[in-house]
C-alpha atoms as a PDB file:
ATOM      1  CA  MET A   1     -29.031  65.901 232.665  1.00  0.00           C
ATOM      2  CA  LYS A   2     -27.806  68.099 229.811  1.00  0.00           C
ATOM      3  CA  ARG A   3     -27.681  66.319 226.434  1.00  0.00           C
ATOM      4  CA  GLN A   4     -25.666  66.979 223.308  1.00  0.00           C
ATOM      5  CA  SER A   5     -26.366  66.007 219.721  1.00  0.00           C
ATOM      6  CA  LEU A   6     -24.098  65.392 216.749  1.00  0.00           C
ATOM      7  CA  ALA A   7     -25.195  66.186 213.191  1.00  0.00           C
ATOM      8  CA  TYR A   8     -22.419  64.974 210.910  1.00  0.00           C
ATOM      9  CA  PHE A   9     -23.964  64.362 207.438  1.00  0.00           C
ATOM     10  CA  GLY A  10     -22.968  60.893 206.295  1.00  0.00           C
ATOM     11  CA  VAL A  11     -20.312  60.498 209.006  1.00  0.00           C
ATOM     12  CA  ALA A  12     -20.114  58.331 212.096  1.00  0.00           C
ATOM     13  CA  VAL A  13     -17.810  59.421 214.927  1.00  0.00           C
ATOM     14  CA  LEU A  14     -15.808  57.021 217.042  1.00  0.00           C
ATOM     15  CA  ALA A  15     -14.540  58.721 220.197  1.00  0.00           C
ATOM     16  CA  GLY A  16     -12.274  56.758 222.479  1.00  0.00           C
ATOM     17  CA  TRP A  17     -12.944  53.920 220.030  1.00  0.00           C
ATOM     18  CA  LEU A  18     -16.595  53.723 220.992  1.00  0.00           C
ATOM     19  CA  ALA A  19     -19.220  54.369 218.322  1.00  0.00           C
ATOM     20  CA  LEU A  20     -21.431  57.373 219.028  1.00  0.00           C
ATOM     21  CA  PRO A  21     -24.990  57.654 217.677  1.00  0.00           C
ATOM     22  CA  LEU A  22     -25.637  58.513 214.050  1.00  0.00           C
ATOM     23  CA  ALA A  23     -26.518  61.896 212.643  1.00  0.00           C
ATOM     24  CA  GLY A  24     -29.150  63.801 214.598  1.00  0.00           C
ATOM     25  CA  GLU A  25     -29.338  61.444 217.572  1.00  0.00           C
ATOM     26  CA  GLU A  26     -28.566  62.608 221.156  1.00  0.00           C
ATOM     27  CA  LEU A  27     -25.998  61.292 223.563  1.00  0.00           C
ATOM     28  CA  ASP A  28     -25.444  62.003 227.213  1.00  0.00           C
ATOM     29  CA  ASN A  29     -22.131  62.819 228.914  1.00  0.00           C
ATOM     30  CA  ALA A  30     -21.445  59.158 229.690  1.00  0.00           C
ATOM     31  CA  GLY A  31     -21.642  58.375 225.998  1.00  0.00           C
ATOM     32  CA  PHE A  32     -18.676  60.565 225.066  1.00  0.00           C
ATOM     33  CA  LYS A  33     -15.269  59.371 226.227  1.00  0.00           C
ATOM     34  CA  ASP A  34     -12.264  61.574 226.099  1.00  0.00           C
ATOM     35  CA  ALA A  35      -9.487  60.156 223.887  1.00  0.00           C
ATOM     36  CA  ARG A  36      -6.790  62.489 225.206  1.00  0.00           C
ATOM     37  CA  ASN A  37      -5.008  59.707 227.120  1.00  0.00           C
ATOM     38  CA  ALA A  38      -4.466  57.776 223.932  1.00  0.00           C
ATOM     39  CA  ALA A  39      -3.299  60.951 222.178  1.00  0.00           C
ATOM     40  CA  ASN A  40      -0.963  61.902 225.028  1.00  0.00           C
ATOM     41  CA  ALA A  41       0.560  58.417 224.898  1.00  0.00           C
ATOM     42  CA  GLY A  42       1.584  59.134 221.361  1.00  0.00           C
ATOM     43  CA  GLY A  43      -1.502  57.965 219.607  1.00  0.00           C
ATOM     44  CA  ALA A  44       0.338  54.928 218.275  1.00  0.00           C
ATOM     45  CA  GLU A  45      -2.491  52.617 219.302  1.00  0.00           C
ATOM     46  CA  SER A  46      -4.972  54.593 217.227  1.00  0.00           C
ATOM     47  CA  ALA A  47      -3.736  53.038 214.011  1.00  0.00           C
ATOM     48  CA  ASP A  48      -3.646  49.546 215.415  1.00  0.00           C
ATOM     49  CA  GLN A  49      -7.174  49.290 216.707  1.00  0.00           C
ATOM     50  CA  ALA A  50      -9.130  46.294 215.401  1.00  0.00           C
ATOM     51  CA  GLY A  51     -11.271  47.392 212.517  1.00  0.00           C
ATOM     52  CA  PHE A  52      -9.562  50.793 212.216  1.00  0.00           C
ATOM     53  CA  GLU A  53      -8.391  50.664 208.635  1.00  0.00           C
ATOM     54  CA  ALA A  54      -8.104  52.909 205.643  1.00  0.00           C
ATOM     55  CA  LEU A  55     -11.825  53.605 205.813  1.00  0.00           C
ATOM     56  CA  HIS A  56     -11.361  55.611 209.054  1.00  0.00           C
ATOM     57  CA  TYR A  57      -9.852  59.033 209.561  1.00  0.00           C
ATOM     58  CA  LEU A  58      -8.588  60.782 212.682  1.00  0.00           C
ATOM     59  CA  ALA A  59     -10.054  64.086 213.661  1.00  0.00           C
ATOM     60  CA  GLU A  60     -10.388  66.352 216.653  1.00  0.00           C
ATOM     61  CA  VAL A  61     -13.887  66.037 218.051  1.00  0.00           C
ATOM     62  CA  SER A  62     -15.449  68.500 220.497  1.00  0.00           C
ATOM     63  CA  LEU A  63     -18.863  68.827 222.076  1.00  0.00           C
ATOM     64  CA  SER A  64     -20.262  71.700 224.015  1.00  0.00           C
ATOM     65  CA  THR A  65     -23.511  72.640 225.747  1.00  0.00           C
ATOM     66  CA  HIS A  66     -24.525  75.862 227.353  1.00  0.00           C
ATOM     67  CA  SER A  67     -27.422  77.371 229.252  1.00  0.00           C
ATOM     68  CA  ASN A  68     -28.015  80.674 231.043  1.00  0.00           C
ATOM     69  CA  THR A  69     -26.061  79.426 234.039  1.00  0.00           C
ATOM     70  CA  SER A  70     -23.450  76.948 232.798  1.00  0.00           C
ATOM     71  CA  PHE A  71     -21.142  75.915 229.967  1.00  0.00           C
ATOM     72  CA  ASN A  72     -19.717  72.416 229.427  1.00  0.00           C
ATOM     73  CA  SER A  73     -17.195  71.326 226.874  1.00  0.00           C
ATOM     74  CA  ARG A  74     -15.549  68.044 226.024  1.00  0.00           C
ATOM     75  CA  ALA A  75     -12.877  67.358 223.414  1.00  0.00           C
ATOM     76  CA  GLY A  76     -10.798  64.413 222.272  1.00  0.00           C
ATOM     77  CA  LEU A  77      -9.188  62.596 219.392  1.00  0.00           C
ATOM     78  CA  GLY A  78     -11.814  60.605 217.475  1.00  0.00           C
ATOM     79  CA  ALA A  79     -12.072  58.501 214.365  1.00  0.00           C
ATOM     80  CA  LEU A  80     -14.387  59.501 211.544  1.00  0.00           C
ATOM     81  CA  HIS A  81     -16.024  56.873 209.320  1.00  0.00           C
ATOM     82  CA  VAL A  82     -17.510  58.231 206.112  1.00  0.00           C
ATOM     83  CA  PHE A  83     -20.644  56.399 204.970  1.00  0.00           C
ATOM     84  CA  PRO A  84     -21.255  55.232 201.378  1.00  0.00           C
ATOM     85  CA  GLU A  85     -22.804  57.799 199.089  1.00  0.00           C
ATOM     86  CA  THR A  86     -26.595  58.036 199.322  1.00  0.00           C
ATOM     87  CA  ILE A  87     -28.483  56.664 196.283  1.00  0.00           C
ATOM     88  CA  THR A  88     -30.830  59.334 194.973  1.00  0.00           C
ATOM     89  CA  ASN A  89     -32.136  57.938 191.710  1.00  0.00           C
ATOM     90  CA  LEU A  90     -33.821  54.623 192.515  1.00  0.00           C
ATOM     91  CA  ARG A  91     -36.528  53.915 189.978  1.00  0.00           C
ATOM     92  CA  ALA A  92     -39.180  51.197 190.011  1.00  0.00           C
ATOM     93  CA  LEU A  93     -40.851  50.099 186.759  1.00  0.00           C
ATOM     94  CA  SER A  94     -43.567  47.549 185.956  1.00  0.00           C
ATOM     95  CA  SER A  95     -43.508  48.036 182.219  1.00  0.00           C
ATOM     96  CA  PHE A  96     -40.331  46.912 180.404  1.00  0.00           C
ATOM     97  CA  ALA A  97     -39.184  44.449 177.798  1.00  0.00           C
ATOM     98  CA  GLY A  98     -39.724  40.838 178.793  1.00  0.00           C
ATOM     99  CA  VAL A  99     -41.745  41.623 181.914  1.00  0.00           C
ATOM    100  CA  ARG A 100     -43.579  38.743 183.611  1.00  0.00           C
ATOM    101  CA  ASP A 101     -46.480  38.680 186.048  1.00  0.00           C
ATOM    102  CA  GLY A 102     -45.553  39.844 189.531  1.00  0.00           C
ATOM    103  CA  GLU A 103     -42.289  41.582 188.564  1.00  0.00           C
ATOM    104  CA  ILE A 104     -40.892  45.107 189.168  1.00  0.00           C
ATOM    105  CA  GLN A 105     -37.629  46.255 187.602  1.00  0.00           C
ATOM    106  CA  LEU A 106     -35.372  48.405 189.827  1.00  0.00           C
ATOM    107  CA  THR A 107     -32.588  50.656 188.521  1.00  0.00           C
ATOM    108  CA  TRP A 108     -30.168  53.035 190.233  1.00  0.00           C
ATOM    109  CA  THR A 109     -26.651  54.401 189.837  1.00  0.00           C
ATOM    110  CA  ALA A 110     -23.911  52.520 191.762  1.00  0.00           C
ATOM    111  CA  PRO A 111     -22.620  54.823 194.529  1.00  0.00           C
ATOM    112  CA  LEU A 112     -19.192  55.559 195.896  1.00  0.00           C
ATOM    113  CA  SER A 113     -18.078  53.555 198.885  1.00  0.00           C
ATOM    114  CA  SER A 114     -16.640  55.181 202.036  1.00  0.00           C
ATOM    115  CA  LYS A 115     -13.586  56.406 200.210  1.00  0.00           C
ATOM    116  CA  SER A 116     -13.558  59.042 197.519  1.00  0.00           C
ATOM    117  CA  THR A 117     -13.314  56.168 195.063  1.00  0.00           C
ATOM    118  CA  GLY A 118     -14.208  52.520 195.353  1.00  0.00           C
ATOM    119  CA  THR A 119     -17.089  50.121 195.056  1.00  0.00           C
ATOM    120  CA  VAL A 120     -19.613  49.428 197.760  1.00  0.00           C
ATOM    121  CA  ASP A 121     -19.704  45.890 199.132  1.00  0.00           C
ATOM    122  CA  ALA A 122     -23.442  45.068 199.056  1.00  0.00           C
ATOM    123  CA  TYR A 123     -26.951  46.407 198.863  1.00  0.00           C
ATOM    124  CA  ILE A 124     -29.985  46.072 201.118  1.00  0.00           C
ATOM    125  CA  LEU A 125     -33.302  46.334 199.305  1.00  0.00           C
ATOM    126  CA  LYS A 126     -36.584  46.634 201.231  1.00  0.00           C
ATOM    127  CA  ARG A 127     -40.250  46.633 200.079  1.00  0.00           C
ATOM    128  CA  SER A 128     -43.453  47.504 201.806  1.00  0.00           C
ATOM    129  CA  LEU A 129     -47.170  47.862 201.008  1.00  0.00           C
ATOM    130  CA  SER A 130     -47.040  51.220 202.785  1.00  0.00           C
ATOM    131  CA  GLU A 131     -44.653  54.155 202.359  1.00  0.00           C
ATOM    132  CA  ILE A 132     -41.186  53.803 203.880  1.00  0.00           C
ATOM    133  CA  ASN A 133     -40.679  57.228 205.457  1.00  0.00           C
ATOM    134  CA  SER A 134     -38.233  56.571 208.304  1.00  0.00           C
ATOM    135  CA  GLN A 135     -35.384  54.333 209.351  1.00  0.00           C
ATOM    136  CA  THR A 136     -37.802  52.403 211.526  1.00  0.00           C
ATOM    137  CA  ASP A 137     -40.062  51.863 208.517  1.00  0.00           C
ATOM    138  CA  PHE A 138     -37.044  50.639 206.608  1.00  0.00           C
ATOM    139  CA  GLN A 139     -36.056  48.198 209.339  1.00  0.00           C
ATOM    140  CA  ASN A 140     -39.574  46.829 209.549  1.00  0.00           C
ATOM    141  CA  ALA A 141     -40.030  46.484 205.783  1.00  0.00           C
ATOM    142  CA  THR A 142     -39.582  43.131 203.993  1.00  0.00           C
ATOM    143  CA  GLU A 143     -36.112  42.511 202.619  1.00  0.00           C
ATOM    144  CA  ILE A 144     -35.910  41.646 198.931  1.00  0.00           C
ATOM    145  CA  THR A 145     -33.708  38.615 198.449  1.00  0.00           C
ATOM    146  CA  GLN A 146     -30.916  39.347 196.012  1.00  0.00           C
ATOM    147  CA  GLY A 147     -27.293  38.534 195.394  1.00  0.00           C
ATOM    148  CA  ILE A 148     -26.167  41.644 193.525  1.00  0.00           C
ATOM    149  CA  ALA A 149     -22.449  42.117 193.018  1.00  0.00           C
ATOM    150  CA  PRO A 150     -22.179  45.933 193.054  1.00  0.00           C
ATOM    151  CA  GLN A 151     -20.610  47.589 190.043  1.00  0.00           C
ATOM    152  CA  ALA A 152     -18.068  50.387 190.016  1.00  0.00           C
ATOM    153  CA  PRO A 153     -19.417  53.821 190.983  1.00  0.00           C
ATOM    154  CA  GLY A 154     -21.396  55.514 188.179  1.00  0.00           C
ATOM    155  CA  ASN A 155     -22.616  52.340 186.516  1.00  0.00           C
ATOM    156  CA  THR A 156     -26.317  51.581 186.218  1.00  0.00           C
ATOM    157  CA  GLU A 157     -27.514  48.756 188.477  1.00  0.00           C
ATOM    158  CA  THR A 158     -30.562  46.764 187.346  1.00  0.00           C
ATOM    159  CA  PHE A 159     -32.425  44.217 189.489  1.00  0.00           C
ATOM    160  CA  LEU A 160     -35.643  42.314 188.840  1.00  0.00           C
ATOM    161  CA  ALA A 161     -37.800  41.872 191.903  1.00  0.00           C
ATOM    162  CA  GLY A 162     -40.147  38.924 191.293  1.00  0.00           C
ATOM    163  CA  SER A 163     -42.755  36.709 192.983  1.00  0.00           C
ATOM    164  CA  LEU A 164     -44.817  39.771 193.921  1.00  0.00           C
ATOM    165  CA  THR A 165     -48.616  40.043 193.757  1.00  0.00           C
ATOM    166  CA  PRO A 166     -49.682  41.427 190.357  1.00  0.00           C
ATOM    167  CA  ARG A 167     -51.421  44.832 190.391  1.00  0.00           C
ATOM    168  CA  THR A 168     -50.280  45.454 194.015  1.00  0.00           C
ATOM    169  CA  THR A 169     -48.243  48.660 194.577  1.00  0.00           C
ATOM    170  CA  TYR A 170     -44.950  48.175 196.391  1.00  0.00           C
ATOM    171  CA  HIS A 171     -42.929  50.934 197.992  1.00  0.00           C
ATOM    172  CA  ILE A 172     -39.179  50.381 197.770  1.00  0.00           C
ATOM    173  CA  ARG A 173     -35.967  51.875 199.143  1.00  0.00           C
ATOM    174  CA  LEU A 174     -32.406  50.632 199.423  1.00  0.00           C
ATOM    175  CA  GLU A 175     -29.184  51.168 201.284  1.00  0.00           C
ATOM    176  CA  SER A 176     -25.561  50.269 200.394  1.00  0.00           C
ATOM    177  CA  LEU A 177     -22.922  48.737 202.658  1.00  0.00           C
ATOM    178  CA  ASP A 178     -19.174  49.436 202.553  1.00  0.00           C
ATOM    179  CA  GLN A 179     -16.401  46.952 203.380  1.00  0.00           C
ATOM    180  CA  ALA A 180     -16.808  47.678 207.099  1.00  0.00           C
ATOM    181  CA  ALA A 181     -20.568  46.922 206.868  1.00  0.00           C
ATOM    182  CA  ALA A 182     -21.425  50.583 207.455  1.00  0.00           C
ATOM    183  CA  ALA A 183     -24.709  51.419 205.779  1.00  0.00           C
ATOM    184  CA  SER A 184     -25.503  54.521 203.765  1.00  0.00           C
ATOM    185  CA  PHE A 185     -28.580  56.642 204.435  1.00  0.00           C
ATOM    186  CA  MET A 186     -31.791  55.387 202.780  1.00  0.00           C
ATOM    187  CA  SER A 187     -32.212  55.996 199.076  1.00  0.00           C
ATOM    188  CA  ASN A 188     -35.009  57.996 197.609  1.00  0.00           C
ATOM    189  CA  ALA A 189     -38.390  56.316 197.624  1.00  0.00           C
ATOM    190  CA  SER A 190     -39.832  54.732 194.521  1.00  0.00           C
ATOM    191  CA  SER A 191     -42.980  52.667 193.969  1.00  0.00           C
ATOM    192  CA  ALA A 192     -44.759  50.737 191.240  1.00  0.00           C
ATOM    193  CA  PRO A 193     -47.507  48.128 190.884  1.00  0.00           C
ATOM    194  CA  ALA A 194     -46.210  44.631 190.246  1.00  0.00           C
ATOM    195  CA  ALA A 195     -46.829  43.730 186.602  1.00  0.00           C
ATOM    196  CA  ALA A 196     -49.928  41.969 185.420  1.00  0.00           C
ATOM    197  CA  VAL A 197     -49.035  40.904 181.852  1.00  0.00           C
ATOM    198  CA  PRO A 198     -51.892  39.626 179.693  1.00  0.00           C
ATOM    199  CA  PRO A 199     -51.499  36.803 177.145  1.00  0.00           C
ATOM    200  CA  GLY A 200     -50.431  37.833 173.687  1.00  0.00           C
ATOM    201  CA  ALA A 201     -52.966  38.225 170.908  1.00  0.00           C
ATOM    202  CA  VAL A 202     -53.776  35.279 168.709  1.00  0.00           C
ATOM    203  CA  THR A 203     -52.301  36.227 165.357  1.00  0.00           C
ATOM    204  CA  ASN A 204     -53.125  33.247 163.134  1.00  0.00           C
ATOM    205  CA  LEU A 205     -56.829  32.518 163.641  1.00  0.00           C
ATOM    206  CA  SER A 206     -58.109  30.477 160.683  1.00  0.00           C
ATOM    207  CA  ALA A 207     -61.799  29.847 159.807  1.00  0.00           C
ATOM    208  CA  LEU A 208     -62.881  27.187 157.342  1.00  0.00           C
ATOM    209  CA  THR A 209     -66.275  25.845 156.339  1.00  0.00           C
ATOM    210  CA  GLY A 210     -66.919  22.849 158.534  1.00  0.00           C
ATOM    211  CA  SER A 211     -67.532  19.299 157.316  1.00  0.00           C
ATOM    212  CA  SER A 212     -71.026  19.365 158.893  1.00  0.00           C
ATOM    213  CA  PRO A 213     -73.769  21.765 157.755  1.00  0.00           C
ATOM    214  CA  ALA A 214     -73.949  25.211 159.466  1.00  0.00           C
ATOM    215  CA  THR A 215     -70.496  24.916 161.062  1.00  0.00           C
ATOM    216  CA  ILE A 216     -67.156  26.684 160.854  1.00  0.00           C
ATOM    217  CA  ASP A 217     -63.902  25.090 162.014  1.00  0.00           C
ATOM    218  CA  LEU A 218     -61.496  27.423 163.866  1.00  0.00           C
ATOM    219  CA  THR A 219     -57.834  26.772 164.420  1.00  0.00           C
ATOM    220  CA  TRP A 220     -55.106  28.905 165.996  1.00  0.00           C
ATOM    221  CA  THR A 221     -51.832  28.811 167.929  1.00  0.00           C
ATOM    222  CA  ALA A 222     -51.939  29.405 171.696  1.00  0.00           C
ATOM    223  CA  PRO A 223     -50.119  32.497 173.012  1.00  0.00           C
ATOM    224  CA  GLY A 224     -48.355  32.503 176.415  1.00  0.00           C
ATOM    225  CA  ASP A 225     -49.373  33.492 179.921  1.00  0.00           C
ATOM    226  CA  ASP A 226     -47.271  36.688 179.687  1.00  0.00           C
ATOM    227  CA  GLU A 227     -47.620  37.730 176.079  1.00  0.00           C
ATOM    228  CA  TYR A 228     -45.908  34.769 174.425  1.00  0.00           C
ATOM    229  CA  GLN A 229     -43.995  33.407 177.426  1.00  0.00           C
ATOM    230  CA  GLY A 230     -45.077  30.765 179.969  1.00  0.00           C
ATOM    231  CA  SER A 231     -47.912  28.278 180.125  1.00  0.00           C
ATOM    232  CA  ILE A 232     -51.437  29.433 180.795  1.00  0.00           C
ATOM    233  CA  VAL A 233     -53.005  27.758 183.859  1.00  0.00           C
ATOM    234  CA  GLY A 234     -56.630  28.481 184.728  1.00  0.00           C
ATOM    235  CA  GLY A 235     -57.189  30.623 181.679  1.00  0.00           C
ATOM    236  CA  LEU A 236     -60.020  31.310 179.259  1.00  0.00           C
ATOM    237  CA  TYR A 237     -60.734  31.840 175.592  1.00  0.00           C
ATOM    238  CA  ARG A 238     -63.617  34.006 174.452  1.00  0.00           C
ATOM    239  CA  ILE A 239     -64.925  33.930 170.890  1.00  0.00           C
ATOM    240  CA  ASP A 240     -67.309  36.323 169.269  1.00  0.00           C
ATOM    241  CA  TYR A 241     -68.761  36.156 165.739  1.00  0.00           C
ATOM    242  CA  SER A 242     -71.251  38.021 163.601  1.00  0.00           C
ATOM    243  CA  THR A 243     -72.579  38.234 160.047  1.00  0.00           C
ATOM    244  CA  GLU A 244     -72.307  42.061 160.246  1.00  0.00           C
ATOM    245  CA  ILE A 245     -69.152  43.529 158.803  1.00  0.00           C
ATOM    246  CA  ASP A 246     -69.332  46.554 161.108  1.00  0.00           C
ATOM    247  CA  HIS A 247     -70.028  44.497 164.226  1.00  0.00           C
ATOM    248  CA  THR A 248     -68.475  45.925 167.394  1.00  0.00           C
ATOM    249  CA  PHE A 249     -66.246  43.357 169.057  1.00  0.00           C
ATOM    250  CA  ASP A 250     -65.758  43.670 172.832  1.00  0.00           C
ATOM    251  CA  VAL A 251     -64.332  40.882 174.967  1.00  0.00           C
ATOM    252  CA  ARG A 252     -66.330  42.019 177.959  1.00  0.00           C
ATOM    253  CA  THR A 253     -69.737  42.490 176.403  1.00  0.00           C
ATOM    254  CA  THR A 254     -70.240  40.779 173.035  1.00  0.00           C
ATOM    255  CA  TRP A 255     -68.561  37.345 173.302  1.00  0.00           C
ATOM    256  CA  GLN A 256     -70.652  34.238 172.542  1.00  0.00           C
ATOM    257  CA  VAL A 257     -68.339  31.318 173.390  1.00  0.00           C
ATOM    258  CA  GLU A 258     -66.159  30.891 176.486  1.00  0.00           C
ATOM    259  CA  LEU A 259     -63.692  28.037 176.823  1.00  0.00           C
ATOM    260  CA  SER A 260     -61.498  27.085 179.793  1.00  0.00           C
ATOM    261  CA  THR A 261     -57.912  26.449 178.924  1.00  0.00           C
ATOM    262  CA  GLY A 262     -54.564  25.359 180.303  1.00  0.00           C
ATOM    263  CA  VAL A 263     -52.026  25.441 177.510  1.00  0.00           C
ATOM    264  CA  ALA A 264     -48.407  25.974 176.666  1.00  0.00           C
ATOM    265  CA  PRO A 265     -47.453  28.699 174.149  1.00  0.00           C
ATOM    266  CA  GLY A 266     -47.250  27.423 170.614  1.00  0.00           C
ATOM    267  CA  GLU A 267     -49.731  24.558 171.009  1.00  0.00           C
ATOM    268  CA  ASN A 268     -52.298  24.090 168.242  1.00  0.00           C
ATOM    269  CA  GLN A 269     -55.877  24.857 169.262  1.00  0.00           C
ATOM    270  CA  ALA A 270     -59.205  24.071 167.536  1.00  0.00           C
ATOM    271  CA  TYR A 271     -62.909  24.752 168.034  1.00  0.00           C
ATOM    272  CA  THR A 272     -66.003  24.350 165.830  1.00  0.00           C
ATOM    273  CA  LEU A 273     -68.773  26.941 165.747  1.00  0.00           C
ATOM    274  CA  THR A 274     -72.200  25.328 165.293  1.00  0.00           C
ATOM    275  CA  ASN A 275     -75.819  26.284 164.522  1.00  0.00           C
ATOM    276  CA  LEU A 276     -74.779  28.957 162.088  1.00  0.00           C
ATOM    277  CA  LEU A 277     -76.815  30.375 159.202  1.00  0.00           C
ATOM    278  CA  GLU A 278     -75.805  28.566 156.043  1.00  0.00           C
ATOM    279  CA  GLY A 279     -74.705  30.661 153.123  1.00  0.00           C
ATOM    280  CA  ASN A 280     -73.639  33.618 155.327  1.00  0.00           C
ATOM    281  CA  THR A 281     -70.186  35.047 155.821  1.00  0.00           C
ATOM    282  CA  TYR A 282     -69.083  35.305 159.470  1.00  0.00           C
ATOM    283  CA  TYR A 283     -66.620  37.702 161.048  1.00  0.00           C
ATOM    284  CA  ILE A 284     -64.869  36.126 164.036  1.00  0.00           C
ATOM    285  CA  ARG A 285     -62.544  37.231 166.810  1.00  0.00           C
ATOM    286  CA  ILE A 286     -60.869  35.422 169.723  1.00  0.00           C
ATOM    287  CA  TRP A 287     -59.334  36.661 173.000  1.00  0.00           C
ATOM    288  CA  THR A 288     -57.188  34.903 175.675  1.00  0.00           C
ATOM    289  CA  ARG A 289     -57.114  35.510 179.438  1.00  0.00           C
ATOM    290  CA  ASP A 290     -54.638  34.092 181.999  1.00  0.00           C
ATOM    291  CA  GLU A 291     -55.400  33.233 185.644  1.00  0.00           C
ATOM    292  CA  LEU A 292     -55.809  36.856 186.582  1.00  0.00           C
ATOM    293  CA  SER A 293     -59.344  38.252 186.473  1.00  0.00           C
ATOM    294  CA  ASP A 294     -60.068  40.482 183.490  1.00  0.00           C
ATOM    295  CA  ASN A 295     -56.490  40.181 182.246  1.00  0.00           C
ATOM    296  CA  TRP A 296     -57.319  39.861 178.525  1.00  0.00           C
END
């Protein structure tokens, strides 16, 4: 059987009021129905078809195939449905103001709907641990739950994808839907690792000579899980100290005290260093880690 293919960019064709395949897909002869009867009857029914509204446009549609021995042609009155504009500037970021663990910020420009002007009706966002290179990949990817109310074309859309696994790279694409639920082509691909935000630095560490010999009392205010936000659960403090003014402090190699902690930001903390050399000046530093390994 000879087969024909349509390649309308961003356009779906409805011939005889039956939807044909999208751009680049093939259809056989049975899939194309001549609409001449409706046209010969005056075409009045064409404007009254259910779902045929201002988003659709009438056009003459023809298909032809040829070989060395034969030529076939079909023509008819069809309806064209223009898809929403394709989004081409999707951007995924894991470093931005106020970021929390397991978040990726997505931005893109709101597209035109099916008309030359107008706002799209909704977005479909998908994520995957592997690249999304085809429509099949997009269909099989995990949908990102969101309730975005699309803005007017040209405005910047911003969405925060959360509850992701920190340090894991996610590949993301999106489509937009018009009022007739027709989807655009996939957006450009963008990817980023979900954020792994360390606790903030302790900024008010205080060291005073202890009430007992050879001790120093330390006090400080707890930071948060993500800089200065959120409670730390399953975290650690590490403390290093030395009598040498040029001592090299390194949280991974030179620490001398390790303390487990679960604390809310802003809580007062205290610890006493013991068995010190009396009469010596000590230089002291403290670090904080959250539940993520090596996230100091």
